[in-house]
Amino acid sequence: MSHNNKITMVWFIIIVVGIIIFFFAKDSTKQSRAVIKQGGMKIKYRILIDLFLQLDPRMSINQETNSFIVVSSSNYGGSVAFLIHQTFGKVTIQWKTNSALLGKHEIEWTFNEFMDQHAMFDKIENDIGKYNDNVMSNFI
């Protein structure tokens, strides 16, 4: 391949990557605006957030952006966090825990953004319960 062809190929790749980044940024901005129009993450996912906050009196909202919110608590024995991330038509929820006794654990779910939040919580609570039962059975 000649030197000129290599330069042309590099410029082509740069342009393609630039176009991809532009459209991603445009879609991301559109997604953020949609969440803002729905009242922001605290309002859009109010039911789910309230259910997470009720799990432990130490739980609180620790981080929030236009498309992301973290509900978590920590103490000397460890930490637990629920990360709620709004994506295009979906909501991704991660449960992360770090226990001094049991170590780090994580589960992730993806739901339709308009799914009933009580149903989301029930699925999450059920899956965490099964996961913890499995961890404890291996621990004992």
N, C-alpha and C. Protein backbone atom coordinates (compact mmCIF):
# COMPACT_ATOMS: atom_id res chain seq x y z
N MET A 1 0.85 -1.17 0.00
CA MET A 1 0.00 0.00 0.00
C MET A 1 0.90 1.24 0.00
N SER A 2 0.60 2.16 -0.87
CA SER A 2 1.43 3.36 -0.98
C SER A 2 1.18 4.30 0.20
N HIS A 3 2.10 5.22 0.38
CA HIS A 3 2.01 6.19 1.47
C HIS A 3 0.74 7.04 1.34
N ASN A 4 0.39 7.45 0.14
CA ASN A 4 -0.82 8.25 -0.07
C ASN A 4 -2.08 7.47 0.27
N ASN A 5 -2.10 6.18 -0.08
CA ASN A 5 -3.25 5.34 0.25
C ASN A 5 -3.39 5.18 1.76
N LYS A 6 -2.27 5.06 2.47
CA LYS A 6 -2.31 4.95 3.93
C LYS A 6 -2.87 6.22 4.55
N ILE A 7 -2.44 7.35 4.06
CA ILE A 7 -2.94 8.62 4.58
C ILE A 7 -4.44 8.75 4.30
N THR A 8 -4.87 8.38 3.10
CA THR A 8 -6.28 8.43 2.75
C THR A 8 -7.09 7.52 3.67
N MET A 9 -6.57 6.32 3.94
CA MET A 9 -7.25 5.36 4.81
C MET A 9 -7.36 5.92 6.24
N VAL A 10 -6.31 6.53 6.74
CA VAL A 10 -6.32 7.11 8.09
C VAL A 10 -7.38 8.21 8.15
N TRP A 11 -7.42 9.10 7.16
CA TRP A 11 -8.43 10.16 7.15
C TRP A 11 -9.84 9.59 7.05
N PHE A 12 -10.01 8.55 6.28
CA PHE A 12 -11.32 7.91 6.16
C PHE A 12 -11.76 7.37 7.52
N ILE A 13 -10.87 6.70 8.22
CA ILE A 13 -11.19 6.14 9.55
C ILE A 13 -11.52 7.27 10.53
N ILE A 14 -10.74 8.34 10.50
CA ILE A 14 -10.99 9.49 11.39
C ILE A 14 -12.37 10.08 11.12
N ILE A 15 -12.73 10.23 9.86
CA ILE A 15 -14.04 10.79 9.50
C ILE A 15 -15.17 9.88 9.96
N VAL A 16 -15.03 8.57 9.74
CA VAL A 16 -16.07 7.62 10.15
C VAL A 16 -16.23 7.65 11.67
N VAL A 17 -15.13 7.62 12.40
CA VAL A 17 -15.20 7.66 13.87
C VAL A 17 -15.83 8.98 14.32
N GLY A 18 -15.47 10.08 13.68
CA GLY A 18 -16.07 11.38 14.01
C GLY A 18 -17.57 11.39 13.81
N ILE A 19 -18.02 10.80 12.71
CA ILE A 19 -19.46 10.73 12.44
C ILE A 19 -20.17 9.89 13.49
N ILE A 20 -19.59 8.78 13.86
CA ILE A 20 -20.18 7.91 14.89
C ILE A 20 -20.27 8.66 16.22
N ILE A 21 -19.21 9.34 16.60
CA ILE A 21 -19.21 10.10 17.86
C ILE A 21 -20.27 11.20 17.80
N PHE A 22 -20.37 11.89 16.68
CA PHE A 22 -21.38 12.96 16.53
C PHE A 22 -22.79 12.42 16.74
N PHE A 23 -23.13 11.32 16.08
CA PHE A 23 -24.48 10.78 16.20
C PHE A 23 -24.75 10.22 17.59
N PHE A 24 -23.74 9.62 18.21
CA PHE A 24 -23.91 9.14 19.58
C PHE A 24 -24.18 10.31 20.52
N ALA A 25 -23.40 11.38 20.40
CA ALA A 25 -23.59 12.56 21.25
C ALA A 25 -24.97 13.17 21.02
N LYS A 26 -25.39 13.22 19.78
CA LYS A 26 -26.70 13.77 19.44
C LYS A 26 -27.81 12.92 20.07
N ASP A 27 -27.71 11.59 19.96
CA ASP A 27 -28.71 10.70 20.55
C ASP A 27 -28.69 10.78 22.08
N SER A 28 -27.51 10.88 22.64
CA SER A 28 -27.37 10.98 24.10
C SER A 28 -28.03 12.25 24.61
N THR A 29 -27.83 13.36 23.91
CA THR A 29 -28.46 14.62 24.28
C THR A 29 -29.98 14.50 24.16
N LYS A 30 -30.44 13.87 23.10
CA LYS A 30 -31.88 13.66 22.90
C LYS A 30 -32.45 12.83 24.06
N GLN A 31 -31.73 11.79 24.47
CA GLN A 31 -32.16 10.93 25.57
C GLN A 31 -32.23 11.72 26.87
N SER A 32 -31.21 12.53 27.15
CA SER A 32 -31.19 13.35 28.37
C SER A 32 -32.36 14.32 28.39
N ARG A 33 -32.64 14.94 27.27
CA ARG A 33 -33.76 15.89 27.19
C ARG A 33 -35.09 15.18 27.44
N ALA A 34 -35.22 13.97 26.93
CA ALA A 34 -36.46 13.20 27.14
C ALA A 34 -36.66 12.91 28.63
N VAL A 35 -35.59 12.54 29.32
CA VAL A 35 -35.69 12.26 30.76
C VAL A 35 -36.03 13.55 31.51
N ILE A 36 -35.40 14.64 31.14
CA ILE A 36 -35.67 15.93 31.79
C ILE A 36 -37.15 16.31 31.61
N LYS A 37 -37.69 16.09 30.41
CA LYS A 37 -39.10 16.40 30.15
C LYS A 37 -40.03 15.54 31.02
N GLN A 38 -39.53 14.37 31.43
CA GLN A 38 -40.32 13.47 32.28
C GLN A 38 -40.07 13.75 33.76
N GLY A 39 -39.39 14.84 34.07
CA GLY A 39 -39.17 15.25 35.46
C GLY A 39 -37.81 14.91 36.01
N GLY A 40 -36.95 14.30 35.20
CA GLY A 40 -35.63 13.89 35.68
C GLY A 40 -35.67 12.48 36.24
N MET A 41 -34.52 11.96 36.56
CA MET A 41 -34.42 10.58 37.04
C MET A 41 -35.19 10.36 38.34
N LYS A 42 -35.13 11.33 39.27
CA LYS A 42 -35.82 11.17 40.56
C LYS A 42 -37.32 11.03 40.39
N ILE A 43 -37.87 11.74 39.43
CA ILE A 43 -39.32 11.68 39.19
C ILE A 43 -39.67 10.47 38.32
N LYS A 44 -38.93 10.29 37.24
CA LYS A 44 -39.24 9.20 36.31
C LYS A 44 -39.19 7.84 37.01
N TYR A 45 -38.21 7.64 37.88
CA TYR A 45 -38.06 6.36 38.57
C TYR A 45 -38.35 6.47 40.07
N ARG A 46 -39.26 7.38 40.42
CA ARG A 46 -39.60 7.66 41.81
C ARG A 46 -40.03 6.41 42.57
N ILE A 47 -40.89 5.60 41.99
CA ILE A 47 -41.39 4.40 42.68
C ILE A 47 -40.23 3.45 42.97
N LEU A 48 -39.43 3.18 41.98
CA LEU A 48 -38.30 2.27 42.14
C LEU A 48 -37.30 2.81 43.17
N ILE A 49 -36.99 4.09 43.08
CA ILE A 49 -36.06 4.71 44.02
C ILE A 49 -36.60 4.62 45.44
N ASP A 50 -37.89 4.94 45.62
CA ASP A 50 -38.49 4.85 46.95
C ASP A 50 -38.42 3.43 47.51
N LEU A 51 -38.64 2.44 46.66
CA LEU A 51 -38.56 1.05 47.12
C LEU A 51 -37.13 0.70 47.54
N PHE A 52 -36.13 1.17 46.80
CA PHE A 52 -34.74 0.94 47.18
C PHE A 52 -34.42 1.65 48.50
N LEU A 53 -34.91 2.88 48.65
CA LEU A 53 -34.65 3.65 49.88
C LEU A 53 -35.26 2.97 51.10
N GLN A 54 -36.36 2.26 50.91
CA GLN A 54 -37.04 1.58 52.03
C GLN A 54 -36.31 0.32 52.48
N LEU A 55 -35.37 -0.16 51.70
CA LEU A 55 -34.65 -1.39 52.06
C LEU A 55 -33.77 -1.20 53.29
N ASP A 56 -33.27 0.00 53.51
CA ASP A 56 -32.34 0.27 54.60
C ASP A 56 -32.44 1.75 54.94
N PRO A 57 -32.60 2.09 56.21
CA PRO A 57 -32.72 3.51 56.57
C PRO A 57 -31.48 4.34 56.23
N ARG A 58 -30.35 3.68 55.99
CA ARG A 58 -29.12 4.40 55.63
C ARG A 58 -29.03 4.67 54.13
N MET A 59 -29.95 4.10 53.35
CA MET A 59 -29.92 4.31 51.90
C MET A 59 -30.21 5.77 51.58
N SER A 60 -29.50 6.28 50.57
CA SER A 60 -29.75 7.64 50.11
C SER A 60 -29.33 7.76 48.64
N ILE A 61 -29.79 8.83 48.02
CA ILE A 61 -29.37 9.12 46.65
C ILE A 61 -28.01 9.80 46.74
N ASN A 62 -27.02 9.20 46.12
CA ASN A 62 -25.65 9.70 46.24
C ASN A 62 -25.09 10.33 44.98
N GLN A 63 -25.76 10.11 43.85
CA GLN A 63 -25.28 10.69 42.60
C GLN A 63 -26.46 10.75 41.64
N GLU A 64 -26.52 11.83 40.86
CA GLU A 64 -27.60 11.94 39.88
C GLU A 64 -27.13 12.79 38.71
N THR A 65 -27.44 12.31 37.51
CA THR A 65 -27.24 13.08 36.28
C THR A 65 -28.57 13.03 35.52
N ASN A 66 -28.58 13.51 34.30
CA ASN A 66 -29.80 13.48 33.49
C ASN A 66 -30.21 12.08 33.07
N SER A 67 -29.30 11.11 33.18
CA SER A 67 -29.64 9.75 32.73
C SER A 67 -29.12 8.66 33.67
N PHE A 68 -28.73 9.05 34.89
CA PHE A 68 -28.10 8.10 35.80
C PHE A 68 -28.36 8.54 37.24
N ILE A 69 -28.66 7.56 38.11
CA ILE A 69 -28.84 7.87 39.53
C ILE A 69 -28.35 6.69 40.35
N VAL A 70 -27.76 6.98 41.50
CA VAL A 70 -27.23 5.95 42.39
C VAL A 70 -27.91 6.07 43.74
N VAL A 71 -28.48 4.95 44.20
CA VAL A 71 -29.06 4.84 45.54
C VAL A 71 -28.18 3.85 46.28
N SER A 72 -27.59 4.28 47.40
CA SER A 72 -26.64 3.40 48.07
C SER A 72 -26.55 3.66 49.56
N SER A 73 -25.89 2.74 50.23
CA SER A 73 -25.57 2.92 51.65
C SER A 73 -24.28 2.17 51.93
N SER A 74 -23.61 2.61 52.98
CA SER A 74 -22.39 1.91 53.38
C SER A 74 -22.19 2.09 54.87
N ASN A 75 -21.49 1.13 55.44
CA ASN A 75 -21.10 1.20 56.84
C ASN A 75 -19.80 0.40 56.99
N TYR A 76 -19.37 0.18 58.21
CA TYR A 76 -18.11 -0.52 58.43
C TYR A 76 -18.09 -1.94 57.88
N GLY A 77 -19.26 -2.56 57.70
CA GLY A 77 -19.31 -3.94 57.23
C GLY A 77 -19.33 -4.07 55.71
N GLY A 78 -19.57 -2.95 55.02
CA GLY A 78 -19.60 -3.03 53.56
C GLY A 78 -20.51 -1.98 52.96
N SER A 79 -20.87 -2.20 51.71
CA SER A 79 -21.71 -1.24 51.00
C SER A 79 -22.64 -1.96 50.04
N VAL A 80 -23.72 -1.28 49.70
CA VAL A 80 -24.64 -1.77 48.68
C VAL A 80 -25.09 -0.57 47.86
N ALA A 81 -25.20 -0.76 46.55
CA ALA A 81 -25.60 0.33 45.67
C ALA A 81 -26.50 -0.21 44.56
N PHE A 82 -27.48 0.61 44.21
CA PHE A 82 -28.33 0.36 43.05
C PHE A 82 -28.05 1.50 42.08
N LEU A 83 -27.55 1.17 40.90
CA LEU A 83 -27.24 2.15 39.87
C LEU A 83 -28.31 2.04 38.80
N ILE A 84 -29.00 3.12 38.55
CA ILE A 84 -30.09 3.15 37.57
C ILE A 84 -29.62 4.01 36.40
N HIS A 85 -29.54 3.40 35.24
CA HIS A 85 -29.02 4.09 34.06
C HIS A 85 -30.06 4.05 32.94
N GLN A 86 -30.51 5.22 32.53
CA GLN A 86 -31.46 5.34 31.43
C GLN A 86 -30.71 5.25 30.11
N THR A 87 -31.12 4.34 29.26
CA THR A 87 -30.55 4.25 27.91
C THR A 87 -31.69 4.40 26.91
N PHE A 88 -31.45 4.12 25.69
CA PHE A 88 -32.42 4.36 24.63
C PHE A 88 -33.56 3.35 24.68
N GLY A 89 -34.65 3.73 25.35
CA GLY A 89 -35.82 2.87 25.46
C GLY A 89 -35.71 1.83 26.56
N LYS A 90 -34.61 1.80 27.25
CA LYS A 90 -34.36 0.80 28.30
C LYS A 90 -33.87 1.48 29.56
N VAL A 91 -33.99 0.77 30.66
CA VAL A 91 -33.36 1.19 31.91
C VAL A 91 -32.53 -0.01 32.38
N THR A 92 -31.28 0.27 32.69
CA THR A 92 -30.38 -0.76 33.19
C THR A 92 -30.16 -0.50 34.67
N ILE A 93 -30.33 -1.54 35.46
CA ILE A 93 -30.16 -1.42 36.91
C ILE A 93 -29.09 -2.40 37.34
N GLN A 94 -28.13 -1.90 38.08
CA GLN A 94 -27.07 -2.75 38.62
C GLN A 94 -27.18 -2.74 40.14
N TRP A 95 -27.00 -3.90 40.71
CA TRP A 95 -26.88 -4.06 42.15
C TRP A 95 -25.43 -4.43 42.41
N LYS A 96 -24.78 -3.62 43.23
CA LYS A 96 -23.39 -3.89 43.57
C LYS A 96 -23.27 -3.90 45.08
N THR A 97 -22.62 -4.93 45.58
CA THR A 97 -22.41 -5.00 47.01
C THR A 97 -20.96 -5.39 47.28
N ASN A 98 -20.46 -4.86 48.36
CA ASN A 98 -19.09 -5.18 48.77
C ASN A 98 -19.13 -5.41 50.27
N SER A 99 -19.00 -6.66 50.66
CA SER A 99 -19.09 -7.04 52.06
C SER A 99 -17.71 -7.46 52.56
N ALA A 100 -17.39 -7.02 53.76
CA ALA A 100 -16.11 -7.42 54.37
C ALA A 100 -16.05 -8.94 54.51
N LEU A 101 -17.18 -9.56 54.75
CA LEU A 101 -17.23 -11.01 54.96
C LEU A 101 -17.38 -11.80 53.66
N LEU A 102 -18.24 -11.33 52.75
CA LEU A 102 -18.58 -12.11 51.55
C LEU A 102 -17.96 -11.60 50.26
N GLY A 103 -17.29 -10.46 50.29
CA GLY A 103 -16.63 -9.93 49.10
C GLY A 103 -17.56 -9.13 48.21
N LYS A 104 -17.13 -8.95 46.97
CA LYS A 104 -17.86 -8.15 45.99
C LYS A 104 -18.80 -9.02 45.16
N HIS A 105 -19.99 -8.48 44.92
CA HIS A 105 -20.98 -9.18 44.10
C HIS A 105 -21.74 -8.15 43.28
N GLU A 106 -22.25 -8.58 42.12
CA GLU A 106 -22.94 -7.67 41.22
C GLU A 106 -23.94 -8.44 40.35
N ILE A 107 -25.10 -7.83 40.14
CA ILE A 107 -26.11 -8.36 39.21
C ILE A 107 -26.60 -7.17 38.39
N GLU A 108 -26.96 -7.43 37.13
CA GLU A 108 -27.46 -6.37 36.25
C GLU A 108 -28.74 -6.82 35.57
N TRP A 109 -29.70 -5.90 35.46
CA TRP A 109 -30.96 -6.14 34.78
C TRP A 109 -31.19 -5.05 33.75
N THR A 110 -31.91 -5.38 32.69
CA THR A 110 -32.34 -4.38 31.71
C THR A 110 -33.84 -4.57 31.50
N PHE A 111 -34.57 -3.48 31.63
CA PHE A 111 -36.02 -3.48 31.47
C PHE A 111 -36.42 -2.42 30.44
N ASN A 112 -37.62 -2.57 29.90
CA ASN A 112 -38.20 -1.50 29.11
C ASN A 112 -38.38 -0.31 30.04
N GLU A 113 -38.04 0.90 29.59
CA GLU A 113 -38.08 2.06 30.48
C GLU A 113 -39.46 2.36 31.04
N PHE A 114 -40.51 1.89 30.39
CA PHE A 114 -41.86 2.17 30.86
C PHE A 114 -42.52 0.98 31.56
N MET A 115 -41.75 -0.08 31.84
CA MET A 115 -42.27 -1.23 32.57
C MET A 115 -42.71 -0.79 33.96
N ASP A 116 -43.70 -1.46 34.50
CA ASP A 116 -44.17 -1.17 35.85
C ASP A 116 -43.00 -1.30 36.84
N GLN A 117 -42.75 -0.24 37.60
CA GLN A 117 -41.59 -0.22 38.49
C GLN A 117 -41.74 -1.17 39.67
N HIS A 118 -42.96 -1.44 40.09
CA HIS A 118 -43.16 -2.45 41.14
C HIS A 118 -42.72 -3.83 40.62
N ALA A 119 -43.05 -4.12 39.36
CA ALA A 119 -42.64 -5.40 38.76
C ALA A 119 -41.12 -5.47 38.63
N MET A 120 -40.49 -4.35 38.25
CA MET A 120 -39.02 -4.32 38.19
C MET A 120 -38.44 -4.65 39.56
N PHE A 121 -38.96 -3.97 40.59
CA PHE A 121 -38.45 -4.18 41.95
C PHE A 121 -38.65 -5.62 42.39
N ASP A 122 -39.83 -6.19 42.10
CA ASP A 122 -40.09 -7.58 42.49
C ASP A 122 -39.08 -8.53 41.84
N LYS A 123 -38.78 -8.32 40.57
CA LYS A 123 -37.80 -9.15 39.85
C LYS A 123 -36.42 -8.98 40.49
N ILE A 124 -36.03 -7.74 40.75
CA ILE A 124 -34.72 -7.47 41.34
C ILE A 124 -34.62 -8.10 42.73
N GLU A 125 -35.64 -7.88 43.55
CA GLU A 125 -35.63 -8.42 44.92
C GLU A 125 -35.57 -9.95 44.90
N ASN A 126 -36.34 -10.57 44.01
CA ASN A 126 -36.35 -12.03 43.89
C ASN A 126 -34.98 -12.56 43.44
N ASP A 127 -34.41 -11.92 42.43
CA ASP A 127 -33.10 -12.37 41.93
C ASP A 127 -32.00 -12.19 42.98
N ILE A 128 -32.02 -11.08 43.70
CA ILE A 128 -31.02 -10.87 44.75
C ILE A 128 -31.18 -11.91 45.85
N GLY A 129 -32.43 -12.21 46.21
CA GLY A 129 -32.68 -13.23 47.23
C GLY A 129 -32.11 -14.59 46.82
N LYS A 130 -32.37 -14.99 45.58
CA LYS A 130 -31.84 -16.26 45.07
C LYS A 130 -30.32 -16.24 45.03
N TYR A 131 -29.76 -15.12 44.59
CA TYR A 131 -28.31 -14.98 44.49
C TYR A 131 -27.68 -15.10 45.89
N ASN A 132 -28.26 -14.38 46.87
CA ASN A 132 -27.73 -14.44 48.23
C ASN A 132 -27.87 -15.83 48.83
N ASP A 133 -28.98 -16.52 48.56
CA ASP A 133 -29.14 -17.89 49.04
C ASP A 133 -28.03 -18.77 48.48
N ASN A 134 -27.72 -18.61 47.20
CA ASN A 134 -26.66 -19.39 46.56
C ASN A 134 -25.30 -19.06 47.17
N VAL A 135 -25.02 -17.78 47.38
CA VAL A 135 -23.75 -17.37 47.99
C VAL A 135 -23.62 -17.97 49.38
N MET A 136 -24.69 -17.88 50.16
CA MET A 136 -24.65 -18.40 51.54
C MET A 136 -24.50 -19.91 51.56
N SER A 137 -25.13 -20.61 50.63
CA SER A 137 -25.01 -22.07 50.61
C SER A 137 -23.58 -22.50 50.26
N ASN A 138 -22.89 -21.71 49.47
CA ASN A 138 -21.50 -22.00 49.17
C ASN A 138 -20.57 -21.59 50.30
N PHE A 139 -21.01 -20.65 51.11
CA PHE A 139 -20.21 -20.12 52.20
C PHE A 139 -20.24 -21.04 53.41
N ILE A 140 -21.39 -21.67 53.62
CA ILE A 140 -21.56 -22.51 54.81
C ILE A 140 -20.93 -23.86 54.65
